[in-house]
């Protein structure tokens, strides 16, 4: 899954990829209990990925540096989703990664759909 995520990251448009910079992509089996509670998620299979950090549209150069921005990809929910839908795992990982990067940039869902259409 890490290989798929790295390939998906390389496949996003250059104007976005060069600004992603220091974002960390972490693969976890499932979201942790704190994430589940904060997001009011009942099943750990309901969340495929998560962006944690301050989106670029909300950051200020005068803000103190807090924790590193991260994108979590949740392996078991992604595997379950691909099994249920028949979609290729590479496609699902790309979709989740673009969606979470979109949160990093503060993009709307429509913006993210346009990015996904670019190959």
N, C-alpha and C. Protein backbone atom coordinates (compact mmCIF):
# COMPACT_ATOMS: atom_id res chain seq x y z
N UNK A 1 0.83 -1.19 0.00
CA UNK A 1 0.00 0.00 0.00
C UNK A 1 0.88 1.26 0.00
N UNK A 2 1.99 1.18 0.70
CA UNK A 2 2.91 2.32 0.71
C UNK A 2 3.43 2.60 -0.70
N UNK A 3 3.74 1.56 -1.44
CA UNK A 3 4.20 1.72 -2.82
C UNK A 3 3.11 2.36 -3.67
N UNK A 4 1.87 1.93 -3.50
CA UNK A 4 0.75 2.52 -4.24
C UNK A 4 0.58 3.99 -3.87
N UNK A 5 0.72 4.32 -2.59
CA UNK A 5 0.58 5.70 -2.14
C UNK A 5 1.68 6.58 -2.73
N UNK A 6 2.91 6.07 -2.74
CA UNK A 6 4.02 6.84 -3.32
C UNK A 6 3.80 7.06 -4.81
N UNK A 7 3.35 6.03 -5.51
CA UNK A 7 3.06 6.16 -6.94
C UNK A 7 1.93 7.15 -7.18
N UNK A 8 0.89 7.09 -6.35
CA UNK A 8 -0.23 8.03 -6.48
C UNK A 8 0.23 9.46 -6.24
N UNK A 9 1.09 9.64 -5.25
CA UNK A 9 1.62 10.97 -4.96
C UNK A 9 2.41 11.51 -6.14
N UNK A 10 3.19 10.66 -6.77
CA UNK A 10 3.95 11.08 -7.95
C UNK A 10 3.04 11.40 -9.13
N UNK A 11 1.84 10.83 -9.13
CA UNK A 11 0.92 11.03 -10.24
C UNK A 11 0.01 12.24 -10.13
N UNK A 12 0.05 12.96 -9.01
CA UNK A 12 -0.79 14.15 -8.91
C UNK A 12 -0.12 15.28 -9.68
N UNK A 13 -0.87 16.27 -10.12
CA UNK A 13 -0.29 17.35 -10.90
C UNK A 13 0.90 18.02 -10.19
N UNK A 14 1.91 18.36 -10.98
CA UNK A 14 3.15 18.95 -10.44
C UNK A 14 2.90 20.17 -9.57
N UNK A 15 1.94 21.01 -9.97
CA UNK A 15 1.71 22.25 -9.21
C UNK A 15 1.22 21.96 -7.79
N UNK A 16 0.63 20.80 -7.57
CA UNK A 16 0.22 20.39 -6.22
C UNK A 16 1.34 19.66 -5.50
N UNK A 17 1.96 18.73 -6.21
CA UNK A 17 2.97 17.87 -5.59
C UNK A 17 4.13 18.69 -5.01
N UNK A 18 4.55 19.72 -5.69
CA UNK A 18 5.69 20.49 -5.19
C UNK A 18 5.36 21.26 -3.92
N UNK A 19 4.08 21.48 -3.65
CA UNK A 19 3.68 22.18 -2.43
C UNK A 19 3.36 21.24 -1.27
N UNK A 20 3.22 19.95 -1.56
CA UNK A 20 2.93 18.99 -0.51
C UNK A 20 4.12 18.87 0.43
N UNK A 21 5.31 18.89 -0.13
CA UNK A 21 6.54 18.96 0.65
C UNK A 21 6.68 18.00 1.79
N UNK A 22 6.55 18.49 3.02
CA UNK A 22 6.89 17.73 4.22
C UNK A 22 5.77 16.87 4.76
N UNK A 23 4.70 16.74 4.03
CA UNK A 23 3.59 15.95 4.55
C UNK A 23 4.01 14.48 4.66
N UNK A 24 3.60 13.84 5.73
CA UNK A 24 3.94 12.44 5.98
C UNK A 24 2.73 11.59 5.63
N UNK A 25 2.98 10.50 4.91
CA UNK A 25 1.92 9.53 4.63
C UNK A 25 2.19 8.31 5.50
N UNK A 26 1.21 7.98 6.33
CA UNK A 26 1.36 6.84 7.23
C UNK A 26 0.26 5.83 6.95
N UNK A 27 0.67 4.57 6.87
CA UNK A 27 -0.29 3.49 6.68
C UNK A 27 -0.55 2.86 8.05
N UNK A 28 -1.80 2.87 8.48
CA UNK A 28 -2.21 2.20 9.72
C UNK A 28 -3.28 1.17 9.36
N UNK A 29 -3.42 0.17 10.19
CA UNK A 29 -4.44 -0.85 9.94
C UNK A 29 -5.84 -0.26 10.01
N UNK A 30 -6.11 0.51 11.06
CA UNK A 30 -7.42 1.12 11.29
C UNK A 30 -7.22 2.49 11.94
N UNK A 31 -8.24 3.36 11.90
CA UNK A 31 -8.17 4.59 12.70
C UNK A 31 -8.15 4.24 14.18
N UNK A 32 -7.48 5.05 14.98
CA UNK A 32 -7.43 4.77 16.41
C UNK A 32 -8.74 5.20 17.09
N UNK A 33 -8.87 4.83 18.35
CA UNK A 33 -10.11 5.10 19.09
C UNK A 33 -10.39 6.60 19.21
N UNK A 34 -9.35 7.40 19.38
CA UNK A 34 -9.53 8.85 19.51
C UNK A 34 -10.11 9.43 18.22
N UNK A 35 -9.58 9.04 17.09
CA UNK A 35 -10.10 9.50 15.79
C UNK A 35 -11.55 9.06 15.63
N UNK A 36 -11.81 7.81 15.95
CA UNK A 36 -13.18 7.29 15.82
C UNK A 36 -14.15 8.10 16.69
N UNK A 37 -13.73 8.40 17.91
CA UNK A 37 -14.57 9.15 18.82
C UNK A 37 -14.76 10.59 18.35
N UNK A 38 -13.68 11.26 18.00
CA UNK A 38 -13.76 12.66 17.57
C UNK A 38 -14.61 12.83 16.32
N UNK A 39 -14.54 11.85 15.41
CA UNK A 39 -15.29 11.94 14.16
C UNK A 39 -16.66 11.28 14.24
N UNK A 40 -16.96 10.74 15.42
CA UNK A 40 -18.25 10.07 15.64
C UNK A 40 -18.49 8.95 14.61
N UNK A 41 -17.46 8.14 14.44
CA UNK A 41 -17.52 7.02 13.50
C UNK A 41 -17.79 5.75 14.29
N UNK A 42 -18.79 5.00 13.84
CA UNK A 42 -19.16 3.79 14.56
C UNK A 42 -18.30 2.59 14.17
N UNK A 43 -18.00 2.46 12.90
CA UNK A 43 -17.23 1.32 12.42
C UNK A 43 -15.87 1.79 11.92
N UNK A 44 -14.80 1.11 12.28
CA UNK A 44 -13.49 1.49 11.79
C UNK A 44 -13.36 1.31 10.28
N UNK A 45 -14.28 0.60 9.67
CA UNK A 45 -14.26 0.39 8.22
C UNK A 45 -14.86 1.57 7.46
N UNK A 46 -15.43 2.53 8.18
CA UNK A 46 -16.06 3.69 7.53
C UNK A 46 -15.09 4.80 7.16
N UNK A 47 -13.84 4.69 7.56
CA UNK A 47 -12.86 5.74 7.29
C UNK A 47 -11.67 5.14 6.55
N UNK A 48 -11.46 5.59 5.31
CA UNK A 48 -10.37 5.07 4.49
C UNK A 48 -9.07 5.85 4.68
N UNK A 49 -9.21 7.14 4.99
CA UNK A 49 -8.03 7.97 5.15
C UNK A 49 -8.37 9.20 5.95
N UNK A 50 -7.33 9.90 6.38
CA UNK A 50 -7.53 11.09 7.21
C UNK A 50 -6.35 12.03 7.05
N UNK A 51 -6.66 13.31 6.88
CA UNK A 51 -5.64 14.35 6.92
C UNK A 51 -5.64 14.94 8.32
N UNK A 52 -4.47 15.01 8.94
CA UNK A 52 -4.36 15.67 10.25
C UNK A 52 -3.32 16.76 10.14
N UNK A 53 -3.73 17.94 10.46
CA UNK A 53 -2.84 19.10 10.40
C UNK A 53 -3.66 20.34 10.15
N UNK A 54 -2.97 21.40 9.85
CA UNK A 54 -3.63 22.67 9.53
C UNK A 54 -3.52 22.86 8.03
N UNK A 55 -4.66 22.99 7.36
CA UNK A 55 -4.64 23.13 5.91
C UNK A 55 -3.90 24.41 5.52
N UNK A 56 -3.32 24.38 4.34
CA UNK A 56 -2.50 25.51 3.88
C UNK A 56 -3.29 26.81 3.82
N UNK A 57 -4.59 26.72 3.56
CA UNK A 57 -5.39 27.94 3.50
C UNK A 57 -5.66 28.52 4.88
N UNK A 58 -5.31 27.78 5.94
CA UNK A 58 -5.51 28.25 7.30
C UNK A 58 -4.20 28.57 8.02
N UNK A 59 -3.06 28.23 7.41
CA UNK A 59 -1.76 28.44 8.05
C UNK A 59 -1.30 29.87 7.87
N UNK A 60 -0.51 30.30 8.82
CA UNK A 60 0.12 31.61 8.75
C UNK A 60 1.60 31.43 9.05
N UNK A 61 2.45 32.22 8.41
CA UNK A 61 3.88 32.13 8.67
C UNK A 61 4.20 32.53 10.10
N UNK A 62 3.31 33.26 10.74
CA UNK A 62 3.54 33.67 12.12
C UNK A 62 3.06 32.63 13.14
N UNK A 63 2.36 31.58 12.66
CA UNK A 63 1.91 30.53 13.57
C UNK A 63 3.11 29.70 14.03
N UNK A 64 3.09 29.26 15.29
CA UNK A 64 4.16 28.37 15.74
C UNK A 64 4.04 27.02 15.05
N UNK A 65 5.16 26.40 14.79
CA UNK A 65 5.14 25.08 14.17
C UNK A 65 4.61 24.07 15.18
N UNK A 66 3.54 23.40 14.81
CA UNK A 66 2.96 22.37 15.67
C UNK A 66 3.40 21.01 15.14
N UNK A 67 2.62 20.01 15.34
CA UNK A 67 2.94 18.69 14.81
C UNK A 67 2.98 18.73 13.30
N UNK A 68 3.67 17.75 12.75
CA UNK A 68 3.81 17.63 11.31
C UNK A 68 2.46 17.26 10.68
N UNK A 69 2.17 17.80 9.50
CA UNK A 69 0.97 17.42 8.77
C UNK A 69 1.13 15.97 8.31
N UNK A 70 0.03 15.22 8.44
CA UNK A 70 0.07 13.81 8.09
C UNK A 70 -1.19 13.39 7.35
N UNK A 71 -0.99 12.44 6.46
CA UNK A 71 -2.12 11.76 5.83
C UNK A 71 -2.04 10.31 6.27
N UNK A 72 -3.13 9.83 6.86
CA UNK A 72 -3.22 8.44 7.26
C UNK A 72 -4.04 7.70 6.21
N UNK A 73 -3.54 6.58 5.76
CA UNK A 73 -4.30 5.66 4.93
C UNK A 73 -4.55 4.42 5.79
N UNK A 74 -5.80 4.01 5.85
CA UNK A 74 -6.17 2.89 6.70
C UNK A 74 -6.31 1.62 5.87
N UNK A 75 -5.36 0.74 6.05
CA UNK A 75 -5.19 -0.43 5.20
C UNK A 75 -6.41 -1.36 5.19
N UNK A 76 -6.89 -1.78 6.34
CA UNK A 76 -8.00 -2.73 6.37
C UNK A 76 -9.28 -2.15 5.77
N UNK A 77 -9.65 -0.91 6.09
CA UNK A 77 -10.84 -0.35 5.44
C UNK A 77 -10.68 -0.22 3.92
N UNK A 78 -9.47 0.11 3.45
CA UNK A 78 -9.24 0.21 2.01
C UNK A 78 -9.35 -1.17 1.38
N UNK A 79 -8.75 -2.17 2.00
CA UNK A 79 -8.86 -3.54 1.47
C UNK A 79 -10.31 -4.00 1.44
N UNK A 80 -11.05 -3.72 2.48
CA UNK A 80 -12.46 -4.09 2.55
C UNK A 80 -13.25 -3.37 1.45
N UNK A 81 -12.97 -2.09 1.26
CA UNK A 81 -13.68 -1.31 0.23
C UNK A 81 -13.41 -1.87 -1.16
N UNK A 82 -12.15 -2.20 -1.45
CA UNK A 82 -11.82 -2.73 -2.77
C UNK A 82 -12.49 -4.08 -2.99
N UNK A 83 -12.58 -4.87 -1.93
CA UNK A 83 -13.25 -6.17 -2.04
C UNK A 83 -14.74 -6.00 -2.31
N UNK A 84 -15.36 -5.04 -1.64
CA UNK A 84 -16.80 -4.82 -1.80
C UNK A 84 -17.15 -4.20 -3.16
N UNK A 85 -16.30 -3.29 -3.64
CA UNK A 85 -16.63 -2.56 -4.86
C UNK A 85 -16.01 -3.14 -6.12
N UNK A 86 -14.96 -3.93 -5.96
CA UNK A 86 -14.27 -4.46 -7.13
C UNK A 86 -13.31 -3.46 -7.77
N UNK A 87 -13.19 -2.27 -7.17
CA UNK A 87 -12.26 -1.28 -7.71
C UNK A 87 -10.83 -1.71 -7.44
N UNK A 88 -9.95 -1.32 -8.33
CA UNK A 88 -8.53 -1.62 -8.16
C UNK A 88 -7.98 -0.86 -6.96
N UNK A 89 -7.14 -1.52 -6.20
CA UNK A 89 -6.59 -0.89 -5.00
C UNK A 89 -5.81 0.39 -5.35
N UNK A 90 -5.08 0.37 -6.43
CA UNK A 90 -4.32 1.56 -6.82
C UNK A 90 -5.25 2.74 -7.05
N UNK A 91 -6.38 2.50 -7.65
CA UNK A 91 -7.36 3.57 -7.90
C UNK A 91 -7.94 4.11 -6.59
N UNK A 92 -8.26 3.21 -5.66
CA UNK A 92 -8.82 3.63 -4.38
C UNK A 92 -7.79 4.41 -3.58
N UNK A 93 -6.56 3.91 -3.52
CA UNK A 93 -5.50 4.62 -2.80
C UNK A 93 -5.29 6.00 -3.39
N UNK A 94 -5.27 6.10 -4.71
CA UNK A 94 -5.11 7.41 -5.37
C UNK A 94 -6.25 8.34 -4.99
N UNK A 95 -7.48 7.83 -5.02
CA UNK A 95 -8.64 8.64 -4.68
C UNK A 95 -8.54 9.16 -3.24
N UNK A 96 -8.23 8.27 -2.31
CA UNK A 96 -8.15 8.66 -0.90
C UNK A 96 -7.01 9.66 -0.70
N UNK A 97 -5.87 9.40 -1.32
CA UNK A 97 -4.73 10.29 -1.18
C UNK A 97 -5.03 11.68 -1.74
N UNK A 98 -5.63 11.75 -2.90
CA UNK A 98 -5.99 13.05 -3.49
C UNK A 98 -7.00 13.76 -2.61
N UNK A 99 -7.96 13.03 -2.09
CA UNK A 99 -8.96 13.64 -1.21
C UNK A 99 -8.30 14.23 0.04
N UNK A 100 -7.38 13.49 0.63
CA UNK A 100 -6.72 13.97 1.84
C UNK A 100 -5.74 15.10 1.54
N UNK A 101 -5.05 15.04 0.41
CA UNK A 101 -4.19 16.16 0.00
C UNK A 101 -5.05 17.39 -0.25
N UNK A 102 -6.23 17.18 -0.80
CA UNK A 102 -7.16 18.29 -1.01
C UNK A 102 -7.50 18.98 0.30
N UNK A 103 -7.67 18.21 1.37
CA UNK A 103 -7.90 18.82 2.68
C UNK A 103 -6.68 19.63 3.12
N UNK A 104 -5.49 19.14 2.81
CA UNK A 104 -4.24 19.85 3.13
C UNK A 104 -4.24 21.23 2.47
N UNK A 105 -4.77 21.30 1.25
CA UNK A 105 -4.82 22.56 0.51
C UNK A 105 -6.09 23.35 0.76
N UNK A 106 -7.05 22.76 1.49
CA UNK A 106 -8.30 23.45 1.75
C UNK A 106 -9.23 23.46 0.55
N UNK A 107 -9.10 22.46 -0.34
CA UNK A 107 -9.91 22.40 -1.55
C UNK A 107 -11.32 21.88 -1.27
N UNK A 108 -12.22 22.25 -2.15
CA UNK A 108 -13.59 21.73 -2.10
C UNK A 108 -13.63 20.34 -2.73
N UNK A 109 -14.74 19.63 -2.54
CA UNK A 109 -14.90 18.32 -3.16
C UNK A 109 -14.85 18.43 -4.68
N UNK A 110 -15.43 19.50 -5.23
CA UNK A 110 -15.39 19.69 -6.69
C UNK A 110 -13.96 19.88 -7.18
N UNK A 111 -13.15 20.64 -6.44
CA UNK A 111 -11.74 20.81 -6.80
C UNK A 111 -11.03 19.46 -6.85
N UNK A 112 -11.30 18.63 -5.84
CA UNK A 112 -10.64 17.33 -5.77
C UNK A 112 -11.08 16.42 -6.91
N UNK A 113 -12.34 16.50 -7.31
CA UNK A 113 -12.81 15.70 -8.44
C UNK A 113 -12.09 16.09 -9.71
N UNK A 114 -11.84 17.38 -9.89
CA UNK A 114 -11.12 17.84 -11.08
C UNK A 114 -9.67 17.34 -11.07
N UNK A 115 -9.05 17.34 -9.91
CA UNK A 115 -7.67 16.83 -9.80
C UNK A 115 -7.63 15.35 -10.14
N UNK A 116 -8.61 14.61 -9.66
CA UNK A 116 -8.65 13.16 -9.93
C UNK A 116 -8.80 12.87 -11.41
N UNK A 117 -9.45 13.74 -12.13
CA UNK A 117 -9.65 13.52 -13.57
C UNK A 117 -8.36 13.70 -14.35
N UNK A 118 -7.40 14.41 -13.78
CA UNK A 118 -6.12 14.65 -14.46
C UNK A 118 -5.24 13.43 -14.33
N UNK A 119 -4.75 12.95 -15.41
CA UNK A 119 -3.82 11.80 -15.39
C UNK A 119 -2.56 12.14 -16.11
